[in-house]
PDB file of N, CA and C in Angstrom:
ATOM      1  N   MET A   1     -26.813  -5.654 -31.027  1.00  0.00           N
ATOM      2  CA  MET A   1     -25.550  -5.352 -31.660  1.00  0.00           C
ATOM      3  C   MET A   1     -24.914  -4.152 -30.939  1.00  0.00           C
ATOM      4  N   ASN A   2     -23.667  -4.222 -30.726  1.00  0.00           N
ATOM      5  CA  ASN A   2     -22.970  -3.145 -30.018  1.00  0.00           C
ATOM      6  C   ASN A   2     -22.916  -1.889 -30.871  1.00  0.00           C
ATOM      7  N   LYS A   3     -22.732  -0.767 -30.169  1.00  0.00           N
ATOM      8  CA  LYS A   3     -22.533   0.507 -30.876  1.00  0.00           C
ATOM      9  C   LYS A   3     -21.195   0.446 -31.578  1.00  0.00           C
ATOM     10  N   LYS A   4     -21.254   0.407 -32.879  1.00  0.00           N
ATOM     11  CA  LYS A   4     -20.002   0.444 -33.648  1.00  0.00           C
ATOM     12  C   LYS A   4     -20.274   1.211 -34.914  1.00  0.00           C
ATOM     13  N   ALA A   5     -19.367   1.977 -35.320  1.00  0.00           N
ATOM     14  CA  ALA A   5     -19.550   2.778 -36.525  1.00  0.00           C
ATOM     15  C   ALA A   5     -18.301   2.686 -37.372  1.00  0.00           C
ATOM     16  N   ALA A   6     -17.962   3.728 -37.946  1.00  0.00           N
ATOM     17  CA  ALA A   6     -16.780   3.792 -38.818  1.00  0.00           C
ATOM     18  C   ALA A   6     -15.514   3.691 -37.983  1.00  0.00           C
ATOM     19  N   VAL A   7     -14.473   3.289 -38.594  1.00  0.00           N
ATOM     20  CA  VAL A   7     -13.198   3.148 -37.900  1.00  0.00           C
ATOM     21  C   VAL A   7     -12.287   4.299 -38.297  1.00  0.00           C
ATOM     22  N   LEU A   8     -11.548   4.750 -37.339  1.00  0.00           N
ATOM     23  CA  LEU A   8     -10.692   5.896 -37.601  1.00  0.00           C
ATOM     24  C   LEU A   8      -9.237   5.551 -37.399  1.00  0.00           C
ATOM     25  N   LEU A   9      -8.440   6.319 -38.003  1.00  0.00           N
ATOM     26  CA  LEU A   9      -7.055   5.939 -38.030  1.00  0.00           C
ATOM     27  C   LEU A   9      -6.032   6.922 -37.529  1.00  0.00           C
ATOM     28  N   SER A  10      -4.881   6.919 -37.834  1.00  0.00           N
ATOM     29  CA  SER A  10      -3.751   6.964 -36.978  1.00  0.00           C
ATOM     30  C   SER A  10      -2.664   7.986 -37.132  1.00  0.00           C
ATOM     31  N   VAL A  11      -2.105   8.263 -35.916  1.00  0.00           N
ATOM     32  CA  VAL A  11      -0.889   9.070 -35.947  1.00  0.00           C
ATOM     33  C   VAL A  11       0.105   8.442 -34.980  1.00  0.00           C
ATOM     34  N   LEU A  12       1.301   8.221 -35.444  1.00  0.00           N
ATOM     35  CA  LEU A  12       2.323   7.634 -34.577  1.00  0.00           C
ATOM     36  C   LEU A  12       3.516   8.559 -34.490  1.00  0.00           C
ATOM     37  N   CYS A  13       3.933   8.856 -33.276  1.00  0.00           N
ATOM     38  CA  CYS A  13       5.089   9.736 -33.108  1.00  0.00           C
ATOM     39  C   CYS A  13       6.251   8.952 -32.525  1.00  0.00           C
ATOM     40  N   LEU A  14       7.293   8.803 -33.320  1.00  0.00           N
ATOM     41  CA  LEU A  14       8.527   8.201 -32.827  1.00  0.00           C
ATOM     42  C   LEU A  14       9.624   9.245 -32.930  1.00  0.00           C
ATOM     43  N   LEU A  15      10.249   9.516 -31.816  1.00  0.00           N
ATOM     44  CA  LEU A  15      11.306  10.518 -31.825  1.00  0.00           C
ATOM     45  C   LEU A  15      12.663   9.835 -31.736  1.00  0.00           C
ATOM     46  N   PHE A  16      13.542  10.235 -32.592  1.00  0.00           N
ATOM     47  CA  PHE A  16      14.894   9.698 -32.610  1.00  0.00           C
ATOM     48  C   PHE A  16      15.875  10.869 -32.580  1.00  0.00           C
ATOM     49  N   PHE A  17      17.038  10.594 -32.145  1.00  0.00           N
ATOM     50  CA  PHE A  17      18.081  11.605 -32.228  1.00  0.00           C
ATOM     51  C   PHE A  17      18.329  11.911 -33.699  1.00  0.00           C
ATOM     52  N   SER A  18      18.632  13.129 -34.001  1.00  0.00           N
ATOM     53  CA  SER A  18      18.804  13.525 -35.400  1.00  0.00           C
ATOM     54  C   SER A  18      19.914  12.740 -36.097  1.00  0.00           C
ATOM     55  N   SER A  19      20.853  12.242 -35.339  1.00  0.00           N
ATOM     56  CA  SER A  19      21.939  11.484 -35.945  1.00  0.00           C
ATOM     57  C   SER A  19      21.604  10.008 -36.133  1.00  0.00           C
ATOM     58  N   CYS A  20      20.474   9.571 -35.591  1.00  0.00           N
ATOM     59  CA  CYS A  20      20.097   8.163 -35.707  1.00  0.00           C
ATOM     60  C   CYS A  20      19.293   7.930 -36.971  1.00  0.00           C
ATOM     61  N   ARG A  21      19.429   6.753 -37.473  1.00  0.00           N
ATOM     62  CA  ARG A  21      18.687   6.356 -38.658  1.00  0.00           C
ATOM     63  C   ARG A  21      17.664   5.310 -38.241  1.00  0.00           C
ATOM     64  N   ASN A  22      16.437   5.427 -38.739  1.00  0.00           N
ATOM     65  CA  ASN A  22      15.405   4.455 -38.409  1.00  0.00           C
ATOM     66  C   ASN A  22      15.753   3.106 -39.019  1.00  0.00           C
ATOM     67  N   ALA A  23      15.666   2.080 -38.205  1.00  0.00           N
ATOM     68  CA  ALA A  23      15.900   0.732 -38.698  1.00  0.00           C
ATOM     69  C   ALA A  23      14.650   0.243 -39.411  1.00  0.00           C
ATOM     70  N   SER A  24      14.823  -0.634 -40.363  1.00  0.00           N
ATOM     71  CA  SER A  24      13.692  -1.221 -41.060  1.00  0.00           C
ATOM     72  C   SER A  24      12.902  -2.075 -40.082  1.00  0.00           C
ATOM     73  N   PRO A  25      11.580  -2.036 -40.168  1.00  0.00           N
ATOM     74  CA  PRO A  25      10.765  -2.864 -39.271  1.00  0.00           C
ATOM     75  C   PRO A  25      11.059  -4.342 -39.502  1.00  0.00           C
ATOM     76  N   GLU A  26      11.078  -5.102 -38.414  1.00  0.00           N
ATOM     77  CA  GLU A  26      11.373  -6.527 -38.497  1.00  0.00           C
ATOM     78  C   GLU A  26      10.134  -7.359 -38.802  1.00  0.00           C
ATOM     79  N   SER A  27       8.946  -6.812 -38.531  1.00  0.00           N
ATOM     80  CA  SER A  27       7.711  -7.567 -38.735  1.00  0.00           C
ATOM     81  C   SER A  27       6.588  -6.615 -39.138  1.00  0.00           C
ATOM     82  N   ALA A  28       5.472  -7.197 -39.559  1.00  0.00           N
ATOM     83  CA  ALA A  28       4.303  -6.377 -39.905  1.00  0.00           C
ATOM     84  C   ALA A  28       3.811  -5.608 -38.687  1.00  0.00           C
ATOM     85  N   ALA A  29       3.889  -6.208 -37.508  1.00  0.00           N
ATOM     86  CA  ALA A  29       3.462  -5.519 -36.283  1.00  0.00           C
ATOM     87  C   ALA A  29       4.336  -4.300 -36.011  1.00  0.00           C
ATOM     88  N   ASP A  30       5.645  -4.418 -36.274  1.00  0.00           N
ATOM     89  CA  ASP A  30       6.548  -3.269 -36.115  1.00  0.00           C
ATOM     90  C   ASP A  30       6.228  -2.182 -37.132  1.00  0.00           C
ATOM     91  N   GLU A  31       5.959  -2.582 -38.371  1.00  0.00           N
ATOM     92  CA  GLU A  31       5.617  -1.628 -39.424  1.00  0.00           C
ATOM     93  C   GLU A  31       4.307  -0.908 -39.103  1.00  0.00           C
ATOM     94  N   LEU A  32       3.363  -1.636 -38.524  1.00  0.00           N
ATOM     95  CA  LEU A  32       2.055  -1.070 -38.179  1.00  0.00           C
ATOM     96  C   LEU A  32       2.201   0.174 -37.305  1.00  0.00           C
ATOM     97  N   SER A  33       3.004   0.086 -36.273  1.00  0.00           N
ATOM     98  CA  SER A  33       3.126   1.191 -35.329  1.00  0.00           C
ATOM     99  C   SER A  33       4.270   2.151 -35.644  1.00  0.00           C
ATOM    100  N   ALA A  34       4.918   1.966 -36.782  1.00  0.00           N
ATOM    101  CA  ALA A  34       6.071   2.789 -37.130  1.00  0.00           C
ATOM    102  C   ALA A  34       5.706   4.120 -37.778  1.00  0.00           C
ATOM    103  N   HIS A  35       4.455   4.288 -38.190  1.00  0.00           N
ATOM    104  CA  HIS A  35       4.058   5.506 -38.906  1.00  0.00           C
ATOM    105  C   HIS A  35       2.701   6.011 -38.441  1.00  0.00           C
ATOM    106  N   ASN A  36       2.509   7.295 -38.498  1.00  0.00           N
ATOM    107  CA  ASN A  36       1.191   7.898 -38.319  1.00  0.00           C
ATOM    108  C   ASN A  36       0.407   7.629 -39.590  1.00  0.00           C
ATOM    109  N   ARG A  37      -0.865   7.356 -39.471  1.00  0.00           N
ATOM    110  CA  ARG A  37      -1.649   6.998 -40.652  1.00  0.00           C
ATOM    111  C   ARG A  37      -2.975   7.739 -40.673  1.00  0.00           C
ATOM    112  N   ILE A  38      -3.434   7.998 -41.910  1.00  0.00           N
ATOM    113  CA  ILE A  38      -4.689   8.722 -42.083  1.00  0.00           C
ATOM    114  C   ILE A  38      -5.342   8.279 -43.388  1.00  0.00           C
ATOM    115  N   SER A  39      -6.670   8.316 -43.431  1.00  0.00           N
ATOM    116  CA  SER A  39      -7.371   7.951 -44.659  1.00  0.00           C
ATOM    117  C   SER A  39      -7.210   9.066 -45.688  1.00  0.00           C
ATOM    118  N   GLU A  40      -7.422   8.721 -46.943  1.00  0.00           N
ATOM    119  CA  GLU A  40      -7.238   9.689 -48.029  1.00  0.00           C
ATOM    120  C   GLU A  40      -8.120  10.924 -47.847  1.00  0.00           C
ATOM    121  N   ASP A  41      -9.343  10.719 -47.364  1.00  0.00           N
ATOM    122  CA  ASP A  41     -10.251  11.855 -47.159  1.00  0.00           C
ATOM    123  C   ASP A  41     -10.075  12.512 -45.783  1.00  0.00           C
ATOM    124  N   LYS A  42      -9.072  12.051 -45.047  1.00  0.00           N
ATOM    125  CA  LYS A  42      -8.719  12.597 -43.730  1.00  0.00           C
ATOM    126  C   LYS A  42      -9.815  12.430 -42.681  1.00  0.00           C
ATOM    127  N   SER A  43     -10.717  11.460 -42.886  1.00  0.00           N
ATOM    128  CA  SER A  43     -11.812  11.264 -41.939  1.00  0.00           C
ATOM    129  C   SER A  43     -11.473  10.253 -40.847  1.00  0.00           C
ATOM    130  N   ILE A  44     -10.438   9.450 -41.049  1.00  0.00           N
ATOM    131  CA  ILE A  44     -10.057   8.423 -40.085  1.00  0.00           C
ATOM    132  C   ILE A  44      -8.548   8.486 -39.867  1.00  0.00           C
ATOM    133  N   SER A  45      -8.148   8.385 -38.606  1.00  0.00           N
ATOM    134  CA  SER A  45      -6.718   8.382 -38.310  1.00  0.00           C
ATOM    135  C   SER A  45      -6.399   7.296 -37.293  1.00  0.00           C
ATOM    136  N   LEU A  46      -5.176   6.808 -37.368  1.00  0.00           N
ATOM    137  CA  LEU A  46      -4.675   5.822 -36.414  1.00  0.00           C
ATOM    138  C   LEU A  46      -3.334   6.332 -35.919  1.00  0.00           C
ATOM    139  N   THR A  47      -3.227   6.497 -34.618  1.00  0.00           N
ATOM    140  CA  THR A  47      -1.988   6.998 -34.033  1.00  0.00           C
ATOM    141  C   THR A  47      -1.528   6.073 -32.913  1.00  0.00           C
ATOM    142  N   PHE A  48      -0.236   6.082 -32.683  1.00  0.00           N
ATOM    143  CA  PHE A  48       0.362   5.280 -31.626  1.00  0.00           C
ATOM    144  C   PHE A  48       1.256   6.169 -30.785  1.00  0.00           C
ATOM    145  N   GLN A  49       1.203   5.942 -29.476  1.00  0.00           N
ATOM    146  CA  GLN A  49       2.114   6.638 -28.572  1.00  0.00           C
ATOM    147  C   GLN A  49       2.434   5.677 -27.434  1.00  0.00           C
ATOM    148  N   GLY A  50       3.662   5.236 -27.389  1.00  0.00           N
ATOM    149  CA  GLY A  50       4.048   4.251 -26.377  1.00  0.00           C
ATOM    150  C   GLY A  50       3.253   2.965 -26.579  1.00  0.00           C
ATOM    151  N   ASP A  51       2.592   2.517 -25.522  1.00  0.00           N
ATOM    152  CA  ASP A  51       1.790   1.286 -25.580  1.00  0.00           C
ATOM    153  C   ASP A  51       0.331   1.553 -25.933  1.00  0.00           C
ATOM    154  N   ASN A  52       0.008   2.784 -26.306  1.00  0.00           N
ATOM    155  CA  ASN A  52      -1.375   3.147 -26.597  1.00  0.00           C
ATOM    156  C   ASN A  52      -1.579   3.450 -28.074  1.00  0.00           C
ATOM    157  N   ALA A  53      -2.789   3.134 -28.531  1.00  0.00           N
ATOM    158  CA  ALA A  53      -3.188   3.433 -29.904  1.00  0.00           C
ATOM    159  C   ALA A  53      -4.500   4.199 -29.848  1.00  0.00           C
ATOM    160  N   CYS A  54      -4.730   5.026 -30.846  1.00  0.00           N
ATOM    161  CA  CYS A  54      -5.980   5.776 -30.949  1.00  0.00           C
ATOM    162  C   CYS A  54      -6.475   5.682 -32.384  1.00  0.00           C
ATOM    163  N   LEU A  55      -7.660   5.140 -32.543  1.00  0.00           N
ATOM    164  CA  LEU A  55      -8.317   5.062 -33.830  1.00  0.00           C
ATOM    165  C   LEU A  55      -9.506   6.007 -33.741  1.00  0.00           C
ATOM    166  N   SER A  56      -9.521   7.025 -34.601  1.00  0.00           N
ATOM    167  CA  SER A  56     -10.589   8.010 -34.474  1.00  0.00           C
ATOM    168  C   SER A  56     -11.141   8.444 -35.813  1.00  0.00           C
ATOM    169  N   GLY A  57     -12.416   8.805 -35.766  1.00  0.00           N
ATOM    170  CA  GLY A  57     -13.123   9.278 -36.939  1.00  0.00           C
ATOM    171  C   GLY A  57     -14.417   9.933 -36.508  1.00  0.00           C
ATOM    172  N   LYS A  58     -15.298  10.200 -37.463  1.00  0.00           N
ATOM    173  CA  LYS A  58     -16.558  10.885 -37.178  1.00  0.00           C
ATOM    174  C   LYS A  58     -17.409  10.166 -36.148  1.00  0.00           C
ATOM    175  N   GLU A  59     -17.605   8.872 -36.361  1.00  0.00           N
ATOM    176  CA  GLU A  59     -18.576   8.149 -35.556  1.00  0.00           C
ATOM    177  C   GLU A  59     -17.969   7.267 -34.476  1.00  0.00           C
ATOM    178  N   LEU A  60     -16.656   7.160 -34.437  1.00  0.00           N
ATOM    179  CA  LEU A  60     -16.038   6.262 -33.478  1.00  0.00           C
ATOM    180  C   LEU A  60     -14.674   6.786 -33.071  1.00  0.00           C
ATOM    181  N   SER A  61     -14.432   6.713 -31.791  1.00  0.00           N
ATOM    182  CA  SER A  61     -13.113   7.059 -31.286  1.00  0.00           C
ATOM    183  C   SER A  61     -12.765   6.029 -30.221  1.00  0.00           C
ATOM    184  N   VAL A  62     -11.715   5.265 -30.481  1.00  0.00           N
ATOM    185  CA  VAL A  62     -11.290   4.217 -29.561  1.00  0.00           C
ATOM    186  C   VAL A  62      -9.827   4.441 -29.248  1.00  0.00           C
ATOM    187  N   SER A  63      -9.519   4.472 -27.969  1.00  0.00           N
ATOM    188  CA  SER A  63      -8.116   4.587 -27.590  1.00  0.00           C
ATOM    189  C   SER A  63      -7.866   3.731 -26.368  1.00  0.00           C
ATOM    190  N   GLY A  64      -6.655   3.249 -26.267  1.00  0.00           N
ATOM    191  CA  GLY A  64      -6.265   2.419 -25.137  1.00  0.00           C
ATOM    192  C   GLY A  64      -5.024   1.634 -25.466  1.00  0.00           C
ATOM    193  N   GLU A  65      -4.676   0.738 -24.565  1.00  0.00           N
ATOM    194  CA  GLU A  65      -3.494  -0.099 -24.776  1.00  0.00           C
ATOM    195  C   GLU A  65      -3.719  -0.973 -26.001  1.00  0.00           C
ATOM    196  N   TYR A  66      -2.663  -1.152 -26.788  1.00  0.00           N
ATOM    197  CA  TYR A  66      -2.808  -1.972 -27.990  1.00  0.00           C
ATOM    198  C   TYR A  66      -1.838  -3.148 -27.979  1.00  0.00           C
ATOM    199  N   PHE A  67      -2.243  -4.173 -28.717  1.00  0.00           N
ATOM    200  CA  PHE A  67      -1.432  -5.357 -28.951  1.00  0.00           C
ATOM    201  C   PHE A  67      -1.520  -5.639 -30.437  1.00  0.00           C
ATOM    202  N   ALA A  68      -0.436  -6.059 -31.029  1.00  0.00           N
ATOM    203  CA  ALA A  68      -0.456  -6.355 -32.460  1.00  0.00           C
ATOM    204  C   ALA A  68       0.425  -7.561 -32.752  1.00  0.00           C
ATOM    205  N   ASP A  69      -0.065  -8.386 -33.667  1.00  0.00           N
ATOM    206  CA  ASP A  69       0.775  -9.423 -34.236  1.00  0.00           C
ATOM    207  C   ASP A  69       0.824  -9.144 -35.733  1.00  0.00           C
ATOM    208  N   ASP A  70       1.206 -10.087 -36.535  1.00  0.00           N
ATOM    209  CA  ASP A  70       1.337  -9.825 -37.968  1.00  0.00           C
ATOM    210  C   ASP A  70       0.019  -9.879 -38.724  1.00  0.00           C
ATOM    211  N   LYS A  71      -1.100 -10.087 -38.015  1.00  0.00           N
ATOM    212  CA  LYS A  71      -2.399 -10.167 -38.679  1.00  0.00           C
ATOM    213  C   LYS A  71      -3.499  -9.327 -38.042  1.00  0.00           C
ATOM    214  N   LYS A  72      -3.381  -9.006 -36.745  1.00  0.00           N
ATOM    215  CA  LYS A  72      -4.440  -8.286 -36.044  1.00  0.00           C
ATOM    216  C   LYS A  72      -3.885  -7.174 -35.172  1.00  0.00           C
ATOM    217  N   LEU A  73      -4.643  -6.092 -35.113  1.00  0.00           N
ATOM    218  CA  LEU A  73      -4.419  -5.000 -34.167  1.00  0.00           C
ATOM    219  C   LEU A  73      -5.551  -5.081 -33.163  1.00  0.00           C
ATOM    220  N   ILE A  74      -5.222  -5.125 -31.886  1.00  0.00           N
ATOM    221  CA  ILE A  74      -6.227  -5.182 -30.827  1.00  0.00           C
ATOM    222  C   ILE A  74      -6.037  -3.955 -29.952  1.00  0.00           C
ATOM    223  N   ILE A  75      -7.126  -3.197 -29.766  1.00  0.00           N
ATOM    224  CA  ILE A  75      -7.106  -2.025 -28.889  1.00  0.00           C
ATOM    225  C   ILE A  75      -8.048  -2.304 -27.729  1.00  0.00           C
ATOM    226  N   VAL A  76      -7.528  -2.202 -26.501  1.00  0.00           N
ATOM    227  CA  VAL A  76      -8.322  -2.435 -25.301  1.00  0.00           C
ATOM    228  C   VAL A  76      -8.675  -1.070 -24.719  1.00  0.00           C
ATOM    229  N   SER A  77      -9.956  -0.711 -24.838  1.00  0.00           N
ATOM    230  CA  SER A  77     -10.440   0.598 -24.414  1.00  0.00           C
ATOM    231  C   SER A  77     -11.298   0.452 -23.163  1.00  0.00           C
ATOM    232  N   LYS A  78     -11.167   1.369 -22.237  1.00  0.00           N
ATOM    233  CA  LYS A  78     -12.009   1.349 -21.037  1.00  0.00           C
ATOM    234  C   LYS A  78     -13.458   1.661 -21.384  1.00  0.00           C
ATOM    235  N   ASP A  79     -13.673   2.519 -22.366  1.00  0.00           N
ATOM    236  CA  ASP A  79     -15.030   2.945 -22.730  1.00  0.00           C
ATOM    237  C   ASP A  79     -15.731   1.994 -23.697  1.00  0.00           C
ATOM    238  N   MET A  80     -14.992   1.477 -24.680  1.00  0.00           N
ATOM    239  CA  MET A  80     -15.606   0.710 -25.766  1.00  0.00           C
ATOM    240  C   MET A  80     -15.307  -0.791 -25.711  1.00  0.00           C
ATOM    241  N   GLY A  81     -14.556  -1.256 -24.734  1.00  0.00           N
ATOM    242  CA  GLY A  81     -14.197  -2.662 -24.674  1.00  0.00           C
ATOM    243  C   GLY A  81     -13.013  -2.963 -25.582  1.00  0.00           C
ATOM    244  N   THR A  82     -12.961  -4.171 -26.093  1.00  0.00           N
ATOM    245  CA  THR A  82     -11.850  -4.611 -26.926  1.00  0.00           C
ATOM    246  C   THR A  82     -12.243  -4.585 -28.394  1.00  0.00           C
ATOM    247  N   LEU A  83     -11.432  -3.940 -29.198  1.00  0.00           N
ATOM    248  CA  LEU A  83     -11.653  -3.849 -30.640  1.00  0.00           C
ATOM    249  C   LEU A  83     -10.546  -4.635 -31.336  1.00  0.00           C
ATOM    250  N   SER A  84     -10.926  -5.621 -32.141  1.00  0.00           N
ATOM    251  CA  SER A  84      -9.971  -6.450 -32.861  1.00  0.00           C
ATOM    252  C   SER A  84     -10.099  -6.166 -34.351  1.00  0.00           C
ATOM    253  N   LEU A  85      -8.999  -5.740 -34.970  1.00  0.00           N
ATOM    254  CA  LEU A  85      -9.002  -5.335 -36.371  1.00  0.00           C
ATOM    255  C   LEU A  85      -7.976  -6.130 -37.172  1.00  0.00           C
ATOM    256  N   PRO A  86      -8.424  -7.049 -38.023  1.00  0.00           N
ATOM    257  CA  PRO A  86      -7.477  -7.692 -38.937  1.00  0.00           C
ATOM    258  C   PRO A  86      -6.881  -6.622 -39.864  1.00  0.00           C
ATOM    259  N   TYR A  87      -5.624  -6.808 -40.266  1.00  0.00           N
ATOM    260  CA  TYR A  87      -4.993  -5.826 -41.152  1.00  0.00           C
ATOM    261  C   TYR A  87      -3.999  -6.501 -42.074  1.00  0.00           C
ATOM    262  N   HIS A  88      -3.656  -5.786 -43.137  1.00  0.00           N
ATOM    263  CA  HIS A  88      -2.567  -6.178 -44.027  1.00  0.00           C
ATOM    264  C   HIS A  88      -2.079  -4.932 -44.751  1.00  0.00           C
ATOM    265  N   PHE A  89      -0.947  -5.064 -45.403  1.00  0.00           N
ATOM    266  CA  PHE A  89      -0.395  -3.958 -46.170  1.00  0.00           C
ATOM    267  C   PHE A  89      -0.564  -4.258 -47.650  1.00  0.00           C
ATOM    268  N   GLN A  90      -0.925  -3.234 -48.401  1.00  0.00           N
ATOM    269  CA  GLN A  90      -1.108  -3.385 -49.848  1.00  0.00           C
ATOM    270  C   GLN A  90      -0.716  -2.083 -50.526  1.00  0.00           C
ATOM    271  N   ASP A  91       0.190  -2.146 -51.471  1.00  0.00           N
ATOM    272  CA  ASP A  91       0.638  -0.972 -52.229  1.00  0.00           C
ATOM    273  C   ASP A  91       1.052   0.187 -51.322  1.00  0.00           C
ATOM    274  N   GLY A  92       1.770  -0.127 -50.242  1.00  0.00           N
ATOM    275  CA  GLY A  92       2.269   0.908 -49.344  1.00  0.00           C
ATOM    276  C   GLY A  92       1.228   1.481 -48.396  1.00  0.00           C
ATOM    277  N   LYS A  93       0.037   0.914 -48.360  1.00  0.00           N
ATOM    278  CA  LYS A  93      -1.023   1.403 -47.471  1.00  0.00           C
ATOM    279  C   LYS A  93      -1.404   0.325 -46.469  1.00  0.00           C
ATOM    280  N   LEU A  94      -1.880   0.773 -45.324  1.00  0.00           N
ATOM    281  CA  LEU A  94      -2.395  -0.128 -44.306  1.00  0.00           C
ATOM    282  C   LEU A  94      -3.881  -0.327 -44.577  1.00  0.00           C
ATOM    283  N   ILE A  95      -4.314  -1.570 -44.671  1.00  0.00           N
ATOM    284  CA  ILE A  95      -5.720  -1.881 -44.881  1.00  0.00           C
ATOM    285  C   ILE A  95      -6.243  -2.531 -43.610  1.00  0.00           C
ATOM    286  N   LEU A  96      -7.162  -1.845 -42.929  1.00  0.00           N
ATOM    287  CA  LEU A  96      -7.822  -2.381 -41.738  1.00  0.00           C
ATOM    288  C   LEU A  96      -9.178  -2.937 -42.138  1.00  0.00           C
ATOM    289  N   GLU A  97      -9.600  -3.992 -41.478  1.00  0.00           N
ATOM    290  CA  GLU A  97     -10.928  -4.549 -41.715  1.00  0.00           C
ATOM    291  C   GLU A  97     -11.763  -4.339 -40.462  1.00  0.00           C
ATOM    292  N   TYR A  98     -12.995  -3.839 -40.675  1.00  0.00           N
ATOM    293  CA  TYR A  98     -13.881  -3.556 -39.549  1.00  0.00           C
ATOM    294  C   TYR A  98     -15.318  -3.772 -39.998  1.00  0.00           C
ATOM    295  N   GLN A  99     -15.997  -4.722 -39.398  1.00  0.00           N
ATOM    296  CA  GLN A  99     -17.391  -5.034 -39.702  1.00  0.00           C
ATOM    297  C   GLN A  99     -17.647  -5.144 -41.200  1.00  0.00           C
ATOM    298  N   GLY A 100     -16.808  -5.886 -41.884  1.00  0.00           N
ATOM    299  CA  GLY A 100     -16.982  -6.111 -43.314  1.00  0.00           C
ATOM    300  C   GLY A 100     -16.482  -4.989 -44.201  1.00  0.00           C
ATOM    301  N   MET A 101     -16.023  -3.888 -43.617  1.00  0.00           N
ATOM    302  CA  MET A 101     -15.489  -2.767 -44.392  1.00  0.00           C
ATOM    303  C   MET A 101     -13.965  -2.857 -44.425  1.00  0.00           C
ATOM    304  N   LYS A 102     -13.386  -2.313 -45.467  1.00  0.00           N
ATOM    305  CA  LYS A 102     -11.936  -2.197 -45.558  1.00  0.00           C
ATOM    306  C   LYS A 102     -11.598  -0.714 -45.527  1.00  0.00           C
ATOM    307  N   ILE A 103     -10.703  -0.353 -44.638  1.00  0.00           N
ATOM    308  CA  ILE A 103     -10.301   1.037 -44.471  1.00  0.00           C
ATOM    309  C   ILE A 103      -8.846   1.162 -44.894  1.00  0.00           C
ATOM    310  N   SER A 104      -8.584   2.010 -45.853  1.00  0.00           N
ATOM    311  CA  SER A 104      -7.237   2.201 -46.384  1.00  0.00           C
ATOM    312  C   SER A 104      -6.620   3.451 -45.763  1.00  0.00           C
ATOM    313  N   LEU A 105      -5.442   3.266 -45.164  1.00  0.00           N
ATOM    314  CA  LEU A 105      -4.746   4.368 -44.508  1.00  0.00           C
ATOM    315  C   LEU A 105      -3.343   4.516 -45.063  1.00  0.00           C
ATOM    316  N   GLY A 106      -2.974   5.738 -45.349  1.00  0.00           N
ATOM    317  CA  GLY A 106      -1.626   6.041 -45.795  1.00  0.00           C
ATOM    318  C   GLY A 106      -0.855   6.748 -44.701  1.00  0.00           C
ATOM    319  N   ASP A 107       0.441   6.880 -44.900  1.00  0.00           N
ATOM    320  CA  ASP A 107       1.290   7.594 -43.939  1.00  0.00           C
ATOM    321  C   ASP A 107       0.938   9.074 -43.971  1.00  0.00           C
ATOM    322  N   LEU A 108       1.130   9.703 -42.825  1.00  0.00           N
ATOM    323  CA  LEU A 108       0.938  11.149 -42.742  1.00  0.00           C
ATOM    324  C   LEU A 108       2.104  11.849 -43.388  1.00  0.00           C
TER     325      LEU A 108
END
């Protein structure tokens, strides 16, 4: 079994001109990368910058180019290989699934 531990979550930085208004996301994939996210206990974060995502926590840190559709987040890391995480939104939170666990992340 590969080395895998807890999943960590996110911070996303999108900069807009102060006079611009953020448009509503058109899809779940757009919503996924539209906000910085962190677990309630602050142990896991998910951040996005450009085409890269970083999922980090105590036991696992994965960063690299990401791809997302409306059901999965895929992070391609040079160190850890490819990590595929099914996700959905529930009650304003991002729920990631990893090795049978569900990780709940809220906006920063």
